Amino acid sequence: MRQGENLVAVFYEIDNQSARELTLSITPQFQLTPKGSCPKRSQTLTFAEGRIESNGLTVWFQTNGEVCCFPQVVTEGLYYAHDACDGRLCEGRTLANHRISKRVPGHTYAGV
């Protein structure tokens, strides 16, 4: 991601060479706070079709995977090595409220 832009693309390629179906599951972690700050435990994420909102900020997304919402989870104690090198807060907290999954049949290629 280029500095100063809030745009990123993630593409996973799955080449399932086995005979069994597999599922790739991704749980995006969010902060949605001003730069250099950490979300409060009480901060909530709102999921709407194609976007996540919180704290007056919105993240738009597109996926060809299946989206499954779940009760919000708070993850503590994450370490950000690049921030530590720059003298910024190096431990943080994230919020998650959905998972993106893609099923790939045996002997098939898929992208998500």
PDB file of N, CA and C in Angstrom:
ATOM      1  N   MET A   1       0.856  -1.176   0.000  1.00  0.00           N
ATOM      2  CA  MET A   1       0.000   0.000   0.000  1.00  0.00           C
ATOM      3  C   MET A   1       0.899   1.234   0.000  1.00  0.00           C
ATOM      4  N   ARG A   2       0.620   2.158  -0.887  1.00  0.00           N
ATOM      5  CA  ARG A   2       1.373   3.387  -0.972  1.00  0.00           C
ATOM      6  C   ARG A   2       1.050   4.273   0.224  1.00  0.00           C
ATOM      7  N   GLN A   3       2.075   4.908   0.808  1.00  0.00           N
ATOM      8  CA  GLN A   3       1.869   5.766   1.970  1.00  0.00           C
ATOM      9  C   GLN A   3       0.894   6.893   1.635  1.00  0.00           C
ATOM     10  N   GLY A   4      -0.044   7.134   2.548  1.00  0.00           N
ATOM     11  CA  GLY A   4      -1.018   8.196   2.359  1.00  0.00           C
ATOM     12  C   GLY A   4      -2.289   7.741   1.657  1.00  0.00           C
ATOM     13  N   GLU A   5      -2.289   6.519   1.121  1.00  0.00           N
ATOM     14  CA  GLU A   5      -3.481   5.991   0.469  1.00  0.00           C
ATOM     15  C   GLU A   5      -4.062   4.870   1.311  1.00  0.00           C
ATOM     16  N   ASN A   6      -5.347   4.814   1.354  1.00  0.00           N
ATOM     17  CA  ASN A   6      -6.022   3.747   2.092  1.00  0.00           C
ATOM     18  C   ASN A   6      -6.653   2.782   1.108  1.00  0.00           C
ATOM     19  N   LEU A   7      -5.812   2.146   0.328  1.00  0.00           N
ATOM     20  CA  LEU A   7      -6.268   1.213  -0.686  1.00  0.00           C
ATOM     21  C   LEU A   7      -5.322   0.019  -0.690  1.00  0.00           C
ATOM     22  N   VAL A   8      -5.888  -1.152  -0.642  1.00  0.00           N
ATOM     23  CA  VAL A   8      -5.063  -2.353  -0.688  1.00  0.00           C
ATOM     24  C   VAL A   8      -5.855  -3.450  -1.392  1.00  0.00           C
ATOM     25  N   ALA A   9      -5.171  -4.307  -2.113  1.00  0.00           N
ATOM     26  CA  ALA A   9      -5.805  -5.460  -2.752  1.00  0.00           C
ATOM     27  C   ALA A   9      -5.089  -6.716  -2.274  1.00  0.00           C
ATOM     28  N   VAL A  10      -5.867  -7.707  -1.922  1.00  0.00           N
ATOM     29  CA  VAL A  10      -5.319  -8.989  -1.490  1.00  0.00           C
ATOM     30  C   VAL A  10      -5.932 -10.059  -2.377  1.00  0.00           C
ATOM     31  N   PHE A  11      -5.094 -10.895  -2.954  1.00  0.00           N
ATOM     32  CA  PHE A  11      -5.574 -11.959  -3.836  1.00  0.00           C
ATOM     33  C   PHE A  11      -4.856 -13.247  -3.462  1.00  0.00           C
ATOM     34  N   TYR A  12      -5.615 -14.253  -3.109  1.00  0.00           N
ATOM     35  CA  TYR A  12      -5.055 -15.563  -2.795  1.00  0.00           C
ATOM     36  C   TYR A  12      -5.328 -16.496  -3.960  1.00  0.00           C
ATOM     37  N   GLU A  13      -4.307 -17.241  -4.384  1.00  0.00           N
ATOM     38  CA  GLU A  13      -4.451 -18.254  -5.420  1.00  0.00           C
ATOM     39  C   GLU A  13      -4.381 -19.613  -4.747  1.00  0.00           C
ATOM     40  N   ILE A  14      -5.362 -20.456  -5.034  1.00  0.00           N
ATOM     41  CA  ILE A  14      -5.425 -21.773  -4.427  1.00  0.00           C
ATOM     42  C   ILE A  14      -5.392 -22.810  -5.537  1.00  0.00           C
ATOM     43  N   ASP A  15      -4.399 -23.652  -5.504  1.00  0.00           N
ATOM     44  CA  ASP A  15      -4.281 -24.739  -6.477  1.00  0.00           C
ATOM     45  C   ASP A  15      -4.433 -26.039  -5.697  1.00  0.00           C
ATOM     46  N   ASN A  16      -5.664 -26.496  -5.599  1.00  0.00           N
ATOM     47  CA  ASN A  16      -5.964 -27.693  -4.815  1.00  0.00           C
ATOM     48  C   ASN A  16      -5.644 -28.926  -5.649  1.00  0.00           C
ATOM     49  N   GLN A  17      -4.512 -29.530  -5.379  1.00  0.00           N
ATOM     50  CA  GLN A  17      -4.082 -30.700  -6.138  1.00  0.00           C
ATOM     51  C   GLN A  17      -4.541 -32.007  -5.497  1.00  0.00           C
ATOM     52  N   SER A  18      -5.192 -31.899  -4.346  1.00  0.00           N
ATOM     53  CA  SER A  18      -5.703 -33.110  -3.695  1.00  0.00           C
ATOM     54  C   SER A  18      -7.076 -33.459  -4.266  1.00  0.00           C
ATOM     55  N   ALA A  19      -7.576 -34.612  -3.907  1.00  0.00           N
ATOM     56  CA  ALA A  19      -8.905 -35.033  -4.353  1.00  0.00           C
ATOM     57  C   ALA A  19     -10.003 -34.483  -3.447  1.00  0.00           C
ATOM     58  N   ARG A  20      -9.621 -33.984  -2.275  1.00  0.00           N
ATOM     59  CA  ARG A  20     -10.603 -33.502  -1.302  1.00  0.00           C
ATOM     60  C   ARG A  20     -10.840 -32.003  -1.441  1.00  0.00           C
ATOM     61  N   GLU A  21     -12.059 -31.595  -1.127  1.00  0.00           N
ATOM     62  CA  GLU A  21     -12.394 -30.166  -1.096  1.00  0.00           C
ATOM     63  C   GLU A  21     -11.642 -29.506   0.056  1.00  0.00           C
ATOM     64  N   LEU A  22     -11.229 -28.267  -0.151  1.00  0.00           N
ATOM     65  CA  LEU A  22     -10.613 -27.506   0.937  1.00  0.00           C
ATOM     66  C   LEU A  22     -11.307 -26.161   1.042  1.00  0.00           C
ATOM     67  N   THR A  23     -11.164 -25.525   2.210  1.00  0.00           N
ATOM     68  CA  THR A  23     -11.752 -24.209   2.440  1.00  0.00           C
ATOM     69  C   THR A  23     -10.684 -23.275   2.985  1.00  0.00           C
ATOM     70  N   LEU A  24     -10.502 -22.140   2.317  1.00  0.00           N
ATOM     71  CA  LEU A  24      -9.635 -21.080   2.819  1.00  0.00           C
ATOM     72  C   LEU A  24     -10.526 -20.111   3.579  1.00  0.00           C
ATOM     73  N   SER A  25     -10.198 -19.841   4.842  1.00  0.00           N
ATOM     74  CA  SER A  25     -10.966 -18.889   5.657  1.00  0.00           C
ATOM     75  C   SER A  25     -10.052 -17.765   6.107  1.00  0.00           C
ATOM     76  N   ILE A  26     -10.522 -16.543   5.916  1.00  0.00           N
ATOM     77  CA  ILE A  26      -9.763 -15.336   6.261  1.00  0.00           C
ATOM     78  C   ILE A  26     -10.616 -14.499   7.201  1.00  0.00           C
ATOM     79  N   THR A  27     -10.050 -14.093   8.330  1.00  0.00           N
ATOM     80  CA  THR A  27     -10.753 -13.216   9.272  1.00  0.00           C
ATOM     81  C   THR A  27     -10.033 -11.870   9.294  1.00  0.00           C
ATOM     82  N   PRO A  28     -10.562 -10.858   8.596  1.00  0.00           N
ATOM     83  CA  PRO A  28      -9.926  -9.541   8.595  1.00  0.00           C
ATOM     84  C   PRO A  28      -9.953  -8.905   9.993  1.00  0.00           C
ATOM     85  N   GLN A  29      -8.846  -8.293  10.369  1.00  0.00           N
ATOM     86  CA  GLN A  29      -8.715  -7.607  11.651  1.00  0.00           C
ATOM     87  C   GLN A  29      -8.704  -6.098  11.383  1.00  0.00           C
ATOM     88  N   PHE A  30      -9.484  -5.333  12.149  1.00  0.00           N
ATOM     89  CA  PHE A  30      -9.621  -3.896  11.927  1.00  0.00           C
ATOM     90  C   PHE A  30      -9.260  -3.098  13.174  1.00  0.00           C
ATOM     91  N   GLN A  31      -8.787  -1.879  12.943  1.00  0.00           N
ATOM     92  CA  GLN A  31      -8.607  -0.911  14.020  1.00  0.00           C
ATOM     93  C   GLN A  31      -9.577   0.250  13.849  1.00  0.00           C
ATOM     94  N   LEU A  32      -9.632   0.843  12.667  1.00  0.00           N
ATOM     95  CA  LEU A  32     -10.535   1.955  12.365  1.00  0.00           C
ATOM     96  C   LEU A  32     -10.490   3.039  13.443  1.00  0.00           C
ATOM     97  N   THR A  33      -9.296   3.537  13.647  1.00  0.00           N
ATOM     98  CA  THR A  33      -9.043   4.619  14.600  1.00  0.00           C
ATOM     99  C   THR A  33      -8.067   5.596  13.957  1.00  0.00           C
ATOM    100  N   PRO A  34      -7.931   6.792  14.522  1.00  0.00           N
ATOM    101  CA  PRO A  34      -6.909   7.697  14.000  1.00  0.00           C
ATOM    102  C   PRO A  34      -5.524   7.050  14.086  1.00  0.00           C
ATOM    103  N   LYS A  35      -4.656   7.370  13.144  1.00  0.00           N
ATOM    104  CA  LYS A  35      -3.307   6.796  13.093  1.00  0.00           C
ATOM    105  C   LYS A  35      -2.603   6.944  14.431  1.00  0.00           C
ATOM    106  N   GLY A  36      -1.981   5.864  14.859  1.00  0.00           N
ATOM    107  CA  GLY A  36      -1.225   5.880  16.107  1.00  0.00           C
ATOM    108  C   GLY A  36      -2.052   5.571  17.344  1.00  0.00           C
ATOM    109  N   SER A  37      -3.355   5.332  17.162  1.00  0.00           N
ATOM    110  CA  SER A  37      -4.189   5.017  18.321  1.00  0.00           C
ATOM    111  C   SER A  37      -4.725   3.592  18.198  1.00  0.00           C
ATOM    112  N   CYS A  38      -5.261   3.123  19.289  1.00  0.00           N
ATOM    113  CA  CYS A  38      -5.753   1.759  19.380  1.00  0.00           C
ATOM    114  C   CYS A  38      -7.262   1.797  19.619  1.00  0.00           C
ATOM    115  N   PRO A  39      -8.041   0.876  19.043  1.00  0.00           N
ATOM    116  CA  PRO A  39      -9.479   0.898  19.314  1.00  0.00           C
ATOM    117  C   PRO A  39      -9.765   0.576  20.781  1.00  0.00           C
ATOM    118  N   LYS A  40     -10.782   1.205  21.318  1.00  0.00           N
ATOM    119  CA  LYS A  40     -11.214   0.886  22.675  1.00  0.00           C
ATOM    120  C   LYS A  40     -11.940  -0.446  22.647  1.00  0.00           C
ATOM    121  N   ARG A  41     -11.928  -1.141  23.772  1.00  0.00           N
ATOM    122  CA  ARG A  41     -12.639  -2.422  23.840  1.00  0.00           C
ATOM    123  C   ARG A  41     -14.130  -2.243  23.547  1.00  0.00           C
ATOM    124  N   SER A  42     -14.650  -1.054  23.846  1.00  0.00           N
ATOM    125  CA  SER A  42     -16.076  -0.779  23.651  1.00  0.00           C
ATOM    126  C   SER A  42     -16.421  -0.372  22.213  1.00  0.00           C
ATOM    127  N   GLN A  43     -15.414  -0.120  21.371  1.00  0.00           N
ATOM    128  CA  GLN A  43     -15.666   0.269  19.985  1.00  0.00           C
ATOM    129  C   GLN A  43     -16.338  -0.883  19.247  1.00  0.00           C
ATOM    130  N   THR A  44     -17.330  -0.577  18.446  1.00  0.00           N
ATOM    131  CA  THR A  44     -18.030  -1.631  17.714  1.00  0.00           C
ATOM    132  C   THR A  44     -17.901  -1.450  16.210  1.00  0.00           C
ATOM    133  N   LEU A  45     -17.836  -2.574  15.525  1.00  0.00           N
ATOM    134  CA  LEU A  45     -17.832  -2.598  14.067  1.00  0.00           C
ATOM    135  C   LEU A  45     -19.244  -2.862  13.592  1.00  0.00           C
ATOM    136  N   THR A  46     -19.646  -2.190  12.514  1.00  0.00           N
ATOM    137  CA  THR A  46     -20.941  -2.432  11.906  1.00  0.00           C
ATOM    138  C   THR A  46     -20.694  -2.995  10.513  1.00  0.00           C
ATOM    139  N   PHE A  47     -21.274  -4.150  10.238  1.00  0.00           N
ATOM    140  CA  PHE A  47     -21.138  -4.779   8.931  1.00  0.00           C
ATOM    141  C   PHE A  47     -22.362  -4.443   8.100  1.00  0.00           C
ATOM    142  N   ALA A  48     -22.143  -3.922   6.924  1.00  0.00           N
ATOM    143  CA  ALA A  48     -23.204  -3.695   5.943  1.00  0.00           C
ATOM    144  C   ALA A  48     -22.680  -4.261   4.627  1.00  0.00           C
ATOM    145  N   GLU A  49     -23.552  -4.569   3.712  1.00  0.00           N
ATOM    146  CA  GLU A  49     -23.127  -5.186   2.458  1.00  0.00           C
ATOM    147  C   GLU A  49     -21.988  -4.414   1.811  1.00  0.00           C
ATOM    148  N   GLY A  50     -20.822  -5.046   1.726  1.00  0.00           N
ATOM    149  CA  GLY A  50     -19.673  -4.446   1.060  1.00  0.00           C
ATOM    150  C   GLY A  50     -18.913  -3.406   1.862  1.00  0.00           C
ATOM    151  N   ARG A  51     -19.198  -3.281   3.155  1.00  0.00           N
ATOM    152  CA  ARG A  51     -18.447  -2.287   3.938  1.00  0.00           C
ATOM    153  C   ARG A  51     -18.487  -2.616   5.437  1.00  0.00           C
ATOM    154  N   ILE A  52     -17.473  -2.098   6.122  1.00  0.00           N
ATOM    155  CA  ILE A  52     -17.362  -2.158   7.581  1.00  0.00           C
ATOM    156  C   ILE A  52     -17.273  -0.717   8.054  1.00  0.00           C
ATOM    157  N   GLU A  53     -18.053  -0.362   9.079  1.00  0.00           N
ATOM    158  CA  GLU A  53     -18.049   1.011   9.592  1.00  0.00           C
ATOM    159  C   GLU A  53     -17.797   1.000  11.089  1.00  0.00           C
ATOM    160  N   SER A  54     -17.074   2.010  11.534  1.00  0.00           N
ATOM    161  CA  SER A  54     -16.834   2.202  12.963  1.00  0.00           C
ATOM    162  C   SER A  54     -16.129   3.529  13.157  1.00  0.00           C
ATOM    163  N   ASN A  55     -16.465   4.194  14.254  1.00  0.00           N
ATOM    164  CA  ASN A  55     -15.726   5.394  14.639  1.00  0.00           C
ATOM    165  C   ASN A  55     -15.757   6.469  13.551  1.00  0.00           C
ATOM    166  N   GLY A  56     -16.826   6.500  12.746  1.00  0.00           N
ATOM    167  CA  GLY A  56     -16.924   7.487  11.674  1.00  0.00           C
ATOM    168  C   GLY A  56     -16.105   7.152  10.441  1.00  0.00           C
ATOM    169  N   LEU A  57     -15.512   5.969  10.393  1.00  0.00           N
ATOM    170  CA  LEU A  57     -14.694   5.544   9.260  1.00  0.00           C
ATOM    171  C   LEU A  57     -15.352   4.359   8.569  1.00  0.00           C
ATOM    172  N   THR A  58     -15.117   4.231   7.265  1.00  0.00           N
ATOM    173  CA  THR A  58     -15.691   3.142   6.481  1.00  0.00           C
ATOM    174  C   THR A  58     -14.601   2.461   5.667  1.00  0.00           C
ATOM    175  N   VAL A  59     -14.624   1.135   5.661  1.00  0.00           N
ATOM    176  CA  VAL A  59     -13.753   0.337   4.797  1.00  0.00           C
ATOM    177  C   VAL A  59     -14.668  -0.414   3.836  1.00  0.00           C
ATOM    178  N   TRP A  60     -14.478  -0.171   2.542  1.00  0.00           N
ATOM    179  CA  TRP A  60     -15.251  -0.845   1.506  1.00  0.00           C
ATOM    180  C   TRP A  60     -14.475  -2.074   1.055  1.00  0.00           C
ATOM    181  N   PHE A  61     -15.188  -3.146   0.722  1.00  0.00           N
ATOM    182  CA  PHE A  61     -14.495  -4.334   0.235  1.00  0.00           C
ATOM    183  C   PHE A  61     -15.355  -5.083  -0.772  1.00  0.00           C
ATOM    184  N   GLN A  62     -14.669  -5.897  -1.575  1.00  0.00           N
ATOM    185  CA  GLN A  62     -15.314  -6.792  -2.527  1.00  0.00           C
ATOM    186  C   GLN A  62     -14.679  -8.160  -2.364  1.00  0.00           C
ATOM    187  N   THR A  63     -15.463  -9.200  -2.513  1.00  0.00           N
ATOM    188  CA  THR A  63     -14.926 -10.541  -2.443  1.00  0.00           C
ATOM    189  C   THR A  63     -15.788 -11.487  -3.272  1.00  0.00           C
ATOM    190  N   ASN A  64     -15.177 -12.539  -3.761  1.00  0.00           N
ATOM    191  CA  ASN A  64     -15.936 -13.600  -4.407  1.00  0.00           C
ATOM    192  C   ASN A  64     -16.091 -14.782  -3.454  1.00  0.00           C
ATOM    193  N   GLY A  65     -15.691 -14.584  -2.206  1.00  0.00           N
ATOM    194  CA  GLY A  65     -15.862 -15.598  -1.179  1.00  0.00           C
ATOM    195  C   GLY A  65     -17.193 -15.436  -0.466  1.00  0.00           C
ATOM    196  N   GLU A  66     -17.480 -16.352   0.432  1.00  0.00           N
ATOM    197  CA  GLU A  66     -18.699 -16.318   1.238  1.00  0.00           C
ATOM    198  C   GLU A  66     -18.401 -15.560   2.534  1.00  0.00           C
ATOM    199  N   VAL A  67     -19.216 -14.563   2.854  1.00  0.00           N
ATOM    200  CA  VAL A  67     -19.027 -13.758   4.062  1.00  0.00           C
ATOM    201  C   VAL A  67     -19.931 -14.294   5.164  1.00  0.00           C
ATOM    202  N   CYS A  68     -19.346 -14.540   6.317  1.00  0.00           N
ATOM    203  CA  CYS A  68     -20.089 -15.040   7.467  1.00  0.00           C
ATOM    204  C   CYS A  68     -19.828 -14.099   8.651  1.00  0.00           C
ATOM    205  N   CYS A  69     -20.872 -13.445   9.140  1.00  0.00           N
ATOM    206  CA  CYS A  69     -20.730 -12.539  10.281  1.00  0.00           C
ATOM    207  C   CYS A  69     -20.811 -13.329  11.581  1.00  0.00           C
ATOM    208  N   PHE A  70     -20.135 -12.830  12.606  1.00  0.00           N
ATOM    209  CA  PHE A  70     -20.170 -13.436  13.925  1.00  0.00           C
ATOM    210  C   PHE A  70     -20.081 -12.332  14.969  1.00  0.00           C
ATOM    211  N   PRO A  71     -20.395 -12.617  16.240  1.00  0.00           N
ATOM    212  CA  PRO A  71     -20.284 -11.588  17.279  1.00  0.00           C
ATOM    213  C   PRO A  71     -18.857 -11.040  17.329  1.00  0.00           C
ATOM    214  N   GLN A  72     -18.741  -9.748  17.514  1.00  0.00           N
ATOM    215  CA  GLN A  72     -17.441  -9.085  17.477  1.00  0.00           C
ATOM    216  C   GLN A  72     -16.453  -9.703  18.458  1.00  0.00           C
ATOM    217  N   VAL A  73     -15.218  -9.870  17.984  1.00  0.00           N
ATOM    218  CA  VAL A  73     -14.120 -10.409  18.785  1.00  0.00           C
ATOM    219  C   VAL A  73     -13.042  -9.337  18.881  1.00  0.00           C
ATOM    220  N   VAL A  74     -12.482  -9.150  20.082  1.00  0.00           N
ATOM    221  CA  VAL A  74     -11.379  -8.219  20.313  1.00  0.00           C
ATOM    222  C   VAL A  74     -10.107  -9.038  20.497  1.00  0.00           C
ATOM    223  N   THR A  75      -9.068  -8.729  19.738  1.00  0.00           N
ATOM    224  CA  THR A  75      -7.777  -9.409  19.864  1.00  0.00           C
ATOM    225  C   THR A  75      -6.778  -8.435  20.458  1.00  0.00           C
ATOM    226  N   GLU A  76      -6.104  -8.852  21.518  1.00  0.00           N
ATOM    227  CA  GLU A  76      -5.153  -8.006  22.243  1.00  0.00           C
ATOM    228  C   GLU A  76      -3.712  -8.465  22.002  1.00  0.00           C
ATOM    229  N   GLY A  77      -2.775  -7.568  22.245  1.00  0.00           N
ATOM    230  CA  GLY A  77      -1.358  -7.925  22.305  1.00  0.00           C
ATOM    231  C   GLY A  77      -0.681  -8.191  20.983  1.00  0.00           C
ATOM    232  N   LEU A  78      -1.234  -7.699  19.882  1.00  0.00           N
ATOM    233  CA  LEU A  78      -0.582  -7.876  18.588  1.00  0.00           C
ATOM    234  C   LEU A  78       0.666  -7.007  18.524  1.00  0.00           C
ATOM    235  N   TYR A  79       1.711  -7.501  17.905  1.00  0.00           N
ATOM    236  CA  TYR A  79       2.981  -6.787  17.831  1.00  0.00           C
ATOM    237  C   TYR A  79       3.228  -6.325  16.406  1.00  0.00           C
ATOM    238  N   TYR A  80       3.527  -5.039  16.258  1.00  0.00           N
ATOM    239  CA  TYR A  80       3.780  -4.433  14.952  1.00  0.00           C
ATOM    240  C   TYR A  80       5.242  -4.027  14.862  1.00  0.00           C
ATOM    241  N   ALA A  81       6.062  -4.885  14.265  1.00  0.00           N
ATOM    242  CA  ALA A  81       7.506  -4.663  14.217  1.00  0.00           C
ATOM    243  C   ALA A  81       7.882  -3.365  13.502  1.00  0.00           C
ATOM    244  N   HIS A  82       7.205  -3.038  12.381  1.00  0.00           N
ATOM    245  CA  HIS A  82       7.533  -1.806  11.656  1.00  0.00           C
ATOM    246  C   HIS A  82       7.253  -0.577  12.514  1.00  0.00           C
ATOM    247  N   ASP A  83       6.189  -0.603  13.285  1.00  0.00           N
ATOM    248  CA  ASP A  83       5.891   0.521  14.161  1.00  0.00           C
ATOM    249  C   ASP A  83       6.937   0.634  15.258  1.00  0.00           C
ATOM    250  N   ALA A  84       7.389  -0.484  15.791  1.00  0.00           N
ATOM    251  CA  ALA A  84       8.413  -0.460  16.840  1.00  0.00           C
ATOM    252  C   ALA A  84       9.694   0.180  16.313  1.00  0.00           C
ATOM    253  N   CYS A  85      10.051  -0.133  15.065  1.00  0.00           N
ATOM    254  CA  CYS A  85      11.264   0.450  14.463  1.00  0.00           C
ATOM    255  C   CYS A  85      11.147   1.961  14.312  1.00  0.00           C
ATOM    256  N   ASP A  86       9.918   2.440  14.095  1.00  0.00           N
ATOM    257  CA  ASP A  86       9.692   3.872  13.891  1.00  0.00           C
ATOM    258  C   ASP A  86       9.401   4.615  15.181  1.00  0.00           C
ATOM    259  N   GLY A  87       9.425   3.915  16.321  1.00  0.00           N
ATOM    260  CA  GLY A  87       9.167   4.566  17.599  1.00  0.00           C
ATOM    261  C   GLY A  87       7.688   4.773  17.897  1.00  0.00           C
ATOM    262  N   ARG A  88       6.810   4.162  17.100  1.00  0.00           N
ATOM    263  CA  ARG A  88       5.371   4.274  17.341  1.00  0.00           C
ATOM    264  C   ARG A  88       4.909   3.143  18.249  1.00  0.00           C
ATOM    265  N   LEU A  89       3.644   3.207  18.659  1.00  0.00           N
ATOM    266  CA  LEU A  89       3.039   2.168  19.474  1.00  0.00           C
ATOM    267  C   LEU A  89       3.218   0.828  18.772  1.00  0.00           C
ATOM    268  N   CYS A  90       3.863  -0.134  19.432  1.00  0.00           N
ATOM    269  CA  CYS A  90       4.167  -1.392  18.750  1.00  0.00           C
ATOM    270  C   CYS A  90       3.262  -2.542  19.180  1.00  0.00           C
ATOM    271  N   GLU A  91       2.436  -2.336  20.193  1.00  0.00           N
ATOM    272  CA  GLU A  91       1.470  -3.356  20.576  1.00  0.00           C
ATOM    273  C   GLU A  91       0.084  -2.792  20.401  1.00  0.00           C
ATOM    274  N   GLY A  92      -0.830  -3.638  19.959  1.00  0.00           N
ATOM    275  CA  GLY A  92      -2.146  -3.089  19.676  1.00  0.00           C
ATOM    276  C   GLY A  92      -3.277  -4.071  19.847  1.00  0.00           C
ATOM    277  N   ARG A  93      -4.436  -3.584  19.471  1.00  0.00           N
ATOM    278  CA  ARG A  93      -5.696  -4.309  19.617  1.00  0.00           C
ATOM    279  C   ARG A  93      -6.438  -4.203  18.284  1.00  0.00           C
ATOM    280  N   THR A  94      -7.127  -5.267  17.904  1.00  0.00           N
ATOM    281  CA  THR A  94      -7.930  -5.244  16.693  1.00  0.00           C
ATOM    282  C   THR A  94      -9.327  -5.776  16.981  1.00  0.00           C
ATOM    283  N   LEU A  95     -10.232  -5.496  16.048  1.00  0.00           N
ATOM    284  CA  LEU A  95     -11.615  -5.940  16.135  1.00  0.00           C
ATOM    285  C   LEU A  95     -11.936  -6.758  14.887  1.00  0.00           C
ATOM    286  N   ALA A  96     -12.761  -7.775  15.052  1.00  0.00           N
ATOM    287  CA  ALA A  96     -13.195  -8.588  13.911  1.00  0.00           C
ATOM    288  C   ALA A  96     -14.657  -8.959  14.109  1.00  0.00           C
ATOM    289  N   ASN A  97     -15.418  -8.990  13.001  1.00  0.00           N
ATOM    290  CA  ASN A  97     -16.824  -9.386  13.105  1.00  0.00           C
ATOM    291  C   ASN A  97     -17.310 -10.220  11.916  1.00  0.00           C
ATOM    292  N   HIS A  98     -16.379 -10.627  11.046  1.00  0.00           N
ATOM    293  CA  HIS A  98     -16.775 -11.483   9.936  1.00  0.00           C
ATOM    294  C   HIS A  98     -15.586 -12.284   9.417  1.00  0.00           C
ATOM    295  N   ARG A  99     -15.920 -13.293   8.666  1.00  0.00           N
ATOM    296  CA  ARG A  99     -14.927 -14.173   8.062  1.00  0.00           C
ATOM    297  C   ARG A  99     -15.300 -14.320   6.589  1.00  0.00           C
ATOM    298  N   ILE A 100     -14.290 -14.445   5.750  1.00  0.00           N
ATOM    299  CA  ILE A 100     -14.491 -14.676   4.324  1.00  0.00           C
ATOM    300  C   ILE A 100     -13.943 -16.064   4.002  1.00  0.00           C
ATOM    301  N   SER A 101     -14.769 -16.908   3.403  1.00  0.00           N
ATOM    302  CA  SER A 101     -14.354 -18.277   3.090  1.00  0.00           C
ATOM    303  C   SER A 101     -14.549 -18.577   1.613  1.00  0.00           C
ATOM    304  N   LYS A 102     -13.688 -19.422   1.108  1.00  0.00           N
ATOM    305  CA  LYS A 102     -13.786 -19.866  -0.287  1.00  0.00           C
ATOM    306  C   LYS A 102     -13.557 -21.375  -0.322  1.00  0.00           C
ATOM    307  N   ARG A 103     -14.550 -22.108  -0.809  1.00  0.00           N
ATOM    308  CA  ARG A 103     -14.430 -23.558  -0.967  1.00  0.00           C
ATOM    309  C   ARG A 103     -13.824 -23.867  -2.332  1.00  0.00           C
ATOM    310  N   VAL A 104     -12.897 -24.797  -2.333  1.00  0.00           N
ATOM    311  CA  VAL A 104     -12.233 -25.178  -3.578  1.00  0.00           C
ATOM    312  C   VAL A 104     -12.320 -26.694  -3.724  1.00  0.00           C
ATOM    313  N   PRO A 105     -13.084 -27.165  -4.706  1.00  0.00           N
ATOM    314  CA  PRO A 105     -13.192 -28.611  -4.925  1.00  0.00           C
ATOM    315  C   PRO A 105     -11.825 -29.227  -5.253  1.00  0.00           C
ATOM    316  N   GLY A 106     -11.725 -30.539  -5.081  1.00  0.00           N
ATOM    317  CA  GLY A 106     -10.490 -31.241  -5.409  1.00  0.00           C
ATOM    318  C   GLY A 106     -10.079 -31.047  -6.856  1.00  0.00           C
ATOM    319  N   HIS A 107      -8.767 -31.011  -7.086  1.00  0.00           N
ATOM    320  CA  HIS A 107      -8.180 -30.878  -8.425  1.00  0.00           C
ATOM    321  C   HIS A 107      -8.700 -29.641  -9.153  1.00  0.00           C
ATOM    322  N   THR A 108      -8.824 -28.547  -8.411  1.00  0.00           N
ATOM    323  CA  THR A 108      -9.336 -27.293  -8.983  1.00  0.00           C
ATOM    324  C   THR A 108      -8.463 -26.130  -8.549  1.00  0.00           C
ATOM    325  N   TYR A 109      -8.443 -25.101  -9.383  1.00  0.00           N
ATOM    326  CA  TYR A 109      -7.756 -23.844  -9.084  1.00  0.00           C
ATOM    327  C   TYR A 109      -8.835 -22.788  -8.804  1.00  0.00           C
ATOM    328  N   ALA A 110      -8.577 -21.930  -7.815  1.00  0.00           N
ATOM    329  CA  ALA A 110      -9.503 -20.819  -7.532  1.00  0.00           C
ATOM    330  C   ALA A 110      -8.726 -19.628  -7.016  1.00  0.00           C
ATOM    331  N   GLY A 111      -9.305 -18.468  -7.191  1.00  0.00           N
ATOM    332  CA  GLY A 111      -8.743 -17.236  -6.644  1.00  0.00           C
ATOM    333  C   GLY A 111      -9.770 -16.579  -5.749  1.00  0.00           C
ATOM    334  N   VAL A 112      -9.298 -15.963  -4.689  1.00  0.00           N
ATOM    335  CA  VAL A 112     -10.197 -15.224  -3.797  1.00  0.00           C
ATOM    336  C   VAL A 112      -9.496 -13.947  -3.369  1.00  0.00           C
TER     337      VAL A 112
END
